[in-house]
N, C-alpha and C. Protein backbone atom coordinates (compact mmCIF):
# COMPACT_ATOMS: atom_id res chain seq x y z
N MET A 1 20.52 58.84 8.18
CA MET A 1 19.78 59.64 7.33
C MET A 1 20.53 59.54 5.91
N VAL A 2 21.83 59.56 6.03
CA VAL A 2 22.42 59.61 4.75
C VAL A 2 22.25 58.39 4.01
N TYR A 3 22.15 57.09 4.61
CA TYR A 3 21.94 56.02 4.01
C TYR A 3 20.54 55.79 3.52
N LEU A 4 19.54 56.49 4.15
CA LEU A 4 18.29 56.40 3.77
C LEU A 4 18.16 57.35 2.46
N LEU A 5 18.76 58.43 2.44
CA LEU A 5 18.71 59.20 1.25
C LEU A 5 19.38 58.49 0.11
N ALA A 6 20.46 58.01 0.41
CA ALA A 6 21.18 57.12 -0.89
C ALA A 6 20.40 56.16 -1.15
N ALA A 7 19.66 55.19 -0.28
CA ALA A 7 18.74 54.34 -0.89
C ALA A 7 17.66 54.78 -1.73
N ILE A 8 17.03 55.99 -1.38
CA ILE A 8 16.00 56.78 -1.99
C ILE A 8 16.55 57.07 -3.59
N VAL A 9 17.60 57.56 -3.56
CA VAL A 9 18.22 58.05 -4.76
C VAL A 9 18.32 56.74 -5.66
N ILE A 10 18.93 55.78 -5.14
CA ILE A 10 19.25 54.55 -6.00
C ILE A 10 17.90 53.76 -6.45
N LEU A 11 16.84 53.94 -5.66
CA LEU A 11 15.70 53.29 -5.96
C LEU A 11 14.94 54.24 -6.94
N LEU A 12 15.06 55.41 -7.00
CA LEU A 12 14.39 56.28 -8.09
C LEU A 12 15.36 56.11 -9.28
N ALA A 13 16.73 55.87 -9.27
CA ALA A 13 17.43 55.55 -10.58
C ALA A 13 16.97 54.20 -11.06
N VAL A 14 16.78 53.45 -10.38
CA VAL A 14 16.17 52.09 -10.79
C VAL A 14 14.92 52.18 -11.51
N PHE A 15 13.89 53.06 -10.81
CA PHE A 15 12.70 53.31 -11.39
C PHE A 15 12.64 54.03 -12.64
N ALA A 16 13.62 55.16 -12.60
CA ALA A 16 13.92 55.90 -13.89
C ALA A 16 14.39 55.03 -15.11
N GLU A 17 15.14 53.93 -14.86
CA GLU A 17 15.77 53.05 -15.88
C GLU A 17 14.58 52.35 -16.41
N LYS A 18 13.65 51.82 -15.42
CA LYS A 18 12.46 51.08 -15.99
C LYS A 18 11.47 51.80 -16.72
N ILE A 19 11.24 53.16 -16.51
CA ILE A 19 10.12 53.94 -17.13
C ILE A 19 10.79 54.82 -18.39
N SER A 20 12.24 54.73 -18.40
CA SER A 20 12.81 55.48 -19.56
C SER A 20 12.34 54.86 -20.97
N ALA A 21 12.32 53.76 -21.17
CA ALA A 21 11.95 53.16 -22.47
C ALA A 21 10.41 53.47 -22.62
N ARG A 22 9.70 53.48 -21.78
CA ARG A 22 8.10 53.74 -22.09
C ARG A 22 7.95 55.12 -22.40
N LEU A 23 8.89 56.09 -21.77
CA LEU A 23 8.68 57.51 -22.07
C LEU A 23 9.36 57.94 -23.25
N GLY A 24 10.43 56.99 -23.70
CA GLY A 24 11.30 57.54 -24.94
C GLY A 24 12.38 58.35 -24.69
N LEU A 25 12.60 58.50 -23.45
CA LEU A 25 13.65 59.25 -23.05
C LEU A 25 14.86 58.39 -22.71
N PRO A 26 16.12 58.99 -22.85
CA PRO A 26 17.18 58.24 -22.40
C PRO A 26 17.32 58.25 -20.78
N ALA A 27 17.81 56.95 -20.31
CA ALA A 27 17.80 56.92 -18.92
C ALA A 27 18.76 58.05 -18.19
N LEU A 28 19.77 58.26 -18.86
CA LEU A 28 20.74 59.31 -18.24
C LEU A 28 20.13 60.61 -18.10
N LEU A 29 19.13 60.84 -18.93
CA LEU A 29 18.60 62.19 -18.75
C LEU A 29 17.84 62.19 -17.52
N LEU A 30 17.04 60.97 -17.20
CA LEU A 30 16.23 61.00 -16.00
C LEU A 30 17.11 60.94 -14.82
N PHE A 31 18.33 60.18 -14.83
CA PHE A 31 19.22 60.23 -13.91
C PHE A 31 19.84 61.55 -13.45
N MET A 32 20.08 62.52 -14.39
CA MET A 32 20.53 63.94 -14.35
C MET A 32 19.26 64.68 -13.72
N LEU A 33 18.05 64.39 -13.99
CA LEU A 33 16.94 65.07 -13.30
C LEU A 33 16.92 64.74 -11.82
N ILE A 34 17.06 63.42 -11.63
CA ILE A 34 17.06 63.11 -10.29
C ILE A 34 18.21 63.97 -9.37
N GLY A 35 19.37 63.93 -10.06
CA GLY A 35 20.56 64.64 -9.40
C GLY A 35 20.16 66.09 -9.32
N MET A 36 19.35 66.72 -10.14
CA MET A 36 19.02 68.17 -9.99
C MET A 36 18.05 68.31 -8.74
N ILE A 37 17.11 67.32 -8.74
CA ILE A 37 16.25 67.42 -7.64
C ILE A 37 16.71 67.30 -6.37
N PHE A 38 17.81 66.41 -6.00
CA PHE A 38 18.41 66.17 -4.88
C PHE A 38 19.61 67.22 -4.54
N GLY A 39 19.93 67.93 -5.53
CA GLY A 39 21.22 68.68 -5.50
C GLY A 39 20.83 69.95 -4.57
N SER A 40 22.20 70.52 -4.29
CA SER A 40 22.04 71.93 -3.42
C SER A 40 21.26 72.96 -3.98
N ASP A 41 20.92 72.98 -5.05
CA ASP A 41 20.11 74.07 -5.74
C ASP A 41 18.61 73.40 -6.25
N GLY A 42 18.40 72.14 -6.06
CA GLY A 42 17.11 71.53 -6.23
C GLY A 42 16.03 71.85 -5.18
N PHE A 43 15.20 70.98 -5.32
CA PHE A 43 14.00 71.01 -4.43
C PHE A 43 14.20 70.77 -3.14
N LEU A 44 15.09 69.81 -2.84
CA LEU A 44 15.40 69.29 -1.28
C LEU A 44 16.60 70.00 -0.87
N LYS A 45 17.41 70.78 -1.65
CA LYS A 45 18.39 71.63 -1.14
C LYS A 45 19.33 70.93 -0.32
N ILE A 46 19.91 69.81 -0.61
CA ILE A 46 20.81 69.07 0.20
C ILE A 46 22.04 69.64 0.14
N PRO A 47 22.62 70.33 1.24
CA PRO A 47 23.92 70.89 1.11
C PRO A 47 25.12 69.93 1.25
N PHE A 48 26.18 70.46 0.60
CA PHE A 48 27.32 69.61 0.80
C PHE A 48 28.59 70.59 0.71
N GLU A 49 29.69 70.23 1.69
CA GLU A 49 30.79 71.16 1.76
C GLU A 49 32.06 70.39 1.44
N ASN A 50 31.87 69.04 1.30
CA ASN A 50 32.97 68.13 1.11
C ASN A 50 33.41 68.04 -0.34
N TYR A 51 34.02 68.95 -0.90
CA TYR A 51 34.33 68.94 -2.39
C TYR A 51 35.16 67.82 -2.99
N ALA A 52 36.12 67.30 -2.05
CA ALA A 52 36.96 66.13 -2.59
C ALA A 52 35.96 64.96 -2.56
N LEU A 53 35.02 64.67 -1.68
CA LEU A 53 34.21 63.51 -1.86
C LEU A 53 33.34 63.79 -2.95
N CYS A 54 32.88 64.91 -3.21
CA CYS A 54 31.92 65.32 -4.41
C CYS A 54 32.68 64.78 -5.71
N GLU A 55 34.00 65.21 -5.74
CA GLU A 55 34.77 64.84 -6.95
C GLU A 55 34.92 63.42 -7.09
N GLN A 56 35.04 62.63 -6.01
CA GLN A 56 35.14 61.28 -6.05
C GLN A 56 33.81 60.52 -6.59
N ILE A 57 32.95 61.02 -6.10
CA ILE A 57 31.55 60.54 -6.40
C ILE A 57 31.17 60.72 -7.96
N CYS A 58 31.59 62.00 -8.45
CA CYS A 58 31.22 62.33 -9.60
C CYS A 58 32.21 61.39 -10.47
N SER A 59 33.48 61.38 -10.06
CA SER A 59 34.14 60.53 -11.19
C SER A 59 33.77 59.00 -11.20
N GLY A 60 33.24 58.64 -9.99
CA GLY A 60 32.54 57.19 -10.01
C GLY A 60 31.34 57.17 -11.13
N ALA A 61 30.58 58.42 -10.84
CA ALA A 61 29.46 58.24 -11.58
C ALA A 61 29.75 58.54 -13.05
N LEU A 62 30.71 59.29 -13.48
CA LEU A 62 31.20 59.44 -14.84
C LEU A 62 31.69 57.76 -15.44
N VAL A 63 32.35 57.08 -14.62
CA VAL A 63 32.73 55.80 -14.93
C VAL A 63 31.48 55.06 -15.24
N PHE A 64 30.53 55.05 -14.53
CA PHE A 64 29.41 54.32 -14.51
C PHE A 64 28.49 54.72 -15.83
N ILE A 65 28.47 56.02 -16.23
CA ILE A 65 27.75 56.52 -17.22
C ILE A 65 28.54 56.20 -18.63
N MET A 66 29.80 56.03 -18.46
CA MET A 66 30.39 55.58 -19.86
C MET A 66 30.55 54.16 -19.90
N PHE A 67 30.37 53.40 -18.84
CA PHE A 67 30.15 52.00 -18.83
C PHE A 67 28.90 51.57 -19.47
N TYR A 68 27.80 52.33 -19.04
CA TYR A 68 26.50 52.10 -19.28
C TYR A 68 26.14 52.48 -20.79
N GLY A 69 26.90 53.53 -21.34
CA GLY A 69 26.79 53.99 -22.67
C GLY A 69 27.27 52.86 -23.47
N GLY A 70 28.60 52.24 -23.22
CA GLY A 70 29.23 51.32 -23.95
C GLY A 70 28.44 50.00 -23.78
N PHE A 71 28.02 49.75 -22.72
CA PHE A 71 27.31 48.27 -22.50
C PHE A 71 25.94 48.55 -23.37
N ASN A 72 25.26 49.38 -23.54
CA ASN A 72 24.07 49.37 -24.41
C ASN A 72 24.31 49.71 -25.90
N LEU A 73 25.50 49.86 -26.13
CA LEU A 73 25.76 50.19 -27.55
C LEU A 73 25.63 49.02 -28.55
N ASN A 74 25.01 49.26 -29.48
CA ASN A 74 24.89 48.24 -30.62
C ASN A 74 26.07 48.42 -31.65
N TRP A 75 26.97 47.57 -31.68
CA TRP A 75 28.16 47.75 -32.43
C TRP A 75 27.93 47.63 -33.79
N LYS A 76 27.05 46.77 -34.21
CA LYS A 76 26.72 46.75 -35.85
C LYS A 76 26.37 48.12 -36.29
N MET A 77 25.42 48.62 -35.51
CA MET A 77 24.78 50.04 -35.90
C MET A 77 25.89 51.21 -35.78
N ALA A 78 26.86 50.83 -34.86
CA ALA A 78 27.77 52.10 -34.59
C ALA A 78 29.06 52.04 -35.66
N LYS A 79 29.28 50.85 -36.10
CA LYS A 79 30.46 50.79 -37.08
C LYS A 79 30.21 51.71 -38.37
N SER A 80 28.86 51.76 -38.77
CA SER A 80 28.57 52.51 -39.94
C SER A 80 28.78 54.01 -39.78
N SER A 81 28.57 54.32 -38.63
CA SER A 81 28.61 55.84 -38.47
C SER A 81 29.76 56.26 -37.66
N ALA A 82 30.87 55.32 -37.34
CA ALA A 82 31.96 55.58 -36.43
C ALA A 82 32.89 56.66 -37.34
N VAL A 83 33.22 56.72 -38.45
CA VAL A 83 33.96 57.63 -39.12
C VAL A 83 33.37 59.09 -38.98
N GLN A 84 32.06 59.01 -39.17
CA GLN A 84 31.49 60.52 -39.15
C GLN A 84 31.34 61.00 -37.79
N ALA A 85 31.21 60.05 -36.75
CA ALA A 85 31.13 60.37 -35.37
C ALA A 85 32.60 61.16 -35.01
N VAL A 86 33.68 60.45 -35.45
CA VAL A 86 35.02 60.87 -35.18
C VAL A 86 35.29 62.21 -35.91
N LEU A 87 34.90 62.25 -37.07
CA LEU A 87 35.13 63.52 -37.82
C LEU A 87 34.36 64.78 -37.05
N LEU A 88 33.20 64.44 -36.89
CA LEU A 88 32.26 65.42 -36.48
C LEU A 88 32.70 65.85 -35.00
N SER A 89 33.10 65.08 -34.05
CA SER A 89 33.58 65.30 -32.86
C SER A 89 35.03 66.23 -33.03
N THR A 90 36.01 65.79 -33.69
CA THR A 90 37.21 66.38 -33.84
C THR A 90 36.98 67.76 -34.45
N PHE A 91 36.21 68.02 -35.45
CA PHE A 91 36.13 69.31 -36.01
C PHE A 91 35.19 70.15 -35.32
N GLY A 92 34.10 69.55 -34.56
CA GLY A 92 33.56 70.34 -33.55
C GLY A 92 34.18 71.10 -32.57
N VAL A 93 35.16 70.17 -32.05
CA VAL A 93 36.07 70.72 -30.91
C VAL A 93 37.05 71.93 -31.63
N LEU A 94 37.56 71.74 -32.99
CA LEU A 94 38.36 72.62 -33.38
C LEU A 94 37.55 73.96 -33.88
N ILE A 95 36.36 73.74 -34.25
CA ILE A 95 35.67 74.95 -34.69
C ILE A 95 35.14 75.71 -33.45
N THR A 96 34.82 75.03 -32.34
CA THR A 96 34.35 75.65 -31.05
C THR A 96 35.59 76.48 -30.44
N THR A 97 36.77 75.76 -30.63
CA THR A 97 37.97 76.43 -30.07
C THR A 97 38.35 77.72 -30.83
N ALA A 98 38.18 77.57 -32.21
CA ALA A 98 38.39 78.73 -33.14
C ALA A 98 37.40 80.00 -32.62
N ILE A 99 36.21 79.66 -32.57
CA ILE A 99 35.18 80.65 -32.32
C ILE A 99 35.47 81.33 -30.99
N SER A 100 35.66 80.40 -29.90
CA SER A 100 36.04 80.81 -28.49
C SER A 100 37.04 81.69 -28.59
N THR A 101 38.26 81.27 -29.35
CA THR A 101 39.44 82.05 -29.18
C THR A 101 39.23 83.52 -29.97
N PHE A 102 38.45 83.44 -30.91
CA PHE A 102 38.23 84.73 -31.73
C PHE A 102 37.64 85.72 -30.81
N LEU A 103 36.41 85.16 -30.17
CA LEU A 103 35.51 86.11 -29.36
C LEU A 103 36.31 86.42 -28.16
N ILE A 104 37.15 85.62 -27.46
CA ILE A 104 37.84 86.06 -26.32
C ILE A 104 38.96 87.03 -26.54
N HIS A 105 39.51 86.80 -28.00
CA HIS A 105 40.46 87.87 -28.38
C HIS A 105 39.75 89.13 -28.54
N LEU A 106 38.50 89.27 -29.12
CA LEU A 106 37.73 90.54 -29.24
C LEU A 106 37.40 91.18 -27.98
N TYR A 107 37.16 90.42 -27.06
CA TYR A 107 36.40 90.84 -25.92
C TYR A 107 37.60 91.29 -24.81
N PHE A 108 38.69 90.55 -24.63
CA PHE A 108 39.69 90.86 -23.57
C PHE A 108 40.80 91.46 -24.24
N GLU A 109 40.98 91.50 -25.59
CA GLU A 109 42.01 92.11 -26.43
C GLU A 109 43.39 91.49 -26.12
N ASN A 110 43.24 90.02 -25.91
CA ASN A 110 44.53 89.21 -25.81
C ASN A 110 45.00 88.97 -27.22
N SER A 111 46.39 88.53 -27.22
CA SER A 111 46.84 88.02 -28.41
C SER A 111 46.32 86.71 -28.64
N ALA A 112 46.20 86.51 -29.95
CA ALA A 112 45.58 84.93 -30.36
C ALA A 112 46.05 83.85 -29.70
N PRO A 113 47.49 83.54 -29.56
CA PRO A 113 47.80 82.52 -28.67
C PRO A 113 47.37 82.38 -27.28
N GLN A 114 47.14 83.50 -26.75
CA GLN A 114 46.87 83.67 -25.31
C GLN A 114 45.20 83.63 -25.06
N ALA A 115 44.53 83.76 -26.11
CA ALA A 115 43.01 83.95 -25.92
C ALA A 115 42.19 82.63 -25.46
N PRO A 116 42.75 81.43 -25.66
CA PRO A 116 41.95 80.53 -24.97
C PRO A 116 42.35 80.05 -23.59
N LEU A 117 43.35 80.69 -23.10
CA LEU A 117 43.85 80.64 -21.87
C LEU A 117 43.04 81.47 -20.73
N PRO A 118 43.01 80.97 -19.56
CA PRO A 118 42.28 81.85 -18.52
C PRO A 118 42.81 83.06 -18.31
N VAL A 119 41.99 83.99 -18.02
CA VAL A 119 42.41 85.49 -17.79
C VAL A 119 42.54 85.63 -16.32
N PRO A 120 43.57 86.03 -15.88
CA PRO A 120 43.75 86.34 -14.41
C PRO A 120 43.05 87.48 -13.93
């Protein structure tokens, strides 16, 4: 039963890849939709209790997603916006951290250096 379900998911992923260009959607968005449908909170409500296996599967999926993104990248187009992308990602993280630290500091009344740390 598990192999049948895995085969169905893989076939749906291949089908999603084929129709993603026609719909104008990224294939990874359709992959996430398939995962939501088959997940424990989705329509099929497939339960899982082996969290170590889930972590391994998700790590493998992340490797695939990163490979897929790099494989389909047009380097000539990416070079022109690489500096802006690095600056945006760096400052985006810094600004998000600053805002989160400030809000956590206000809500939990922690000192500023402790604010981004988890509250026990």
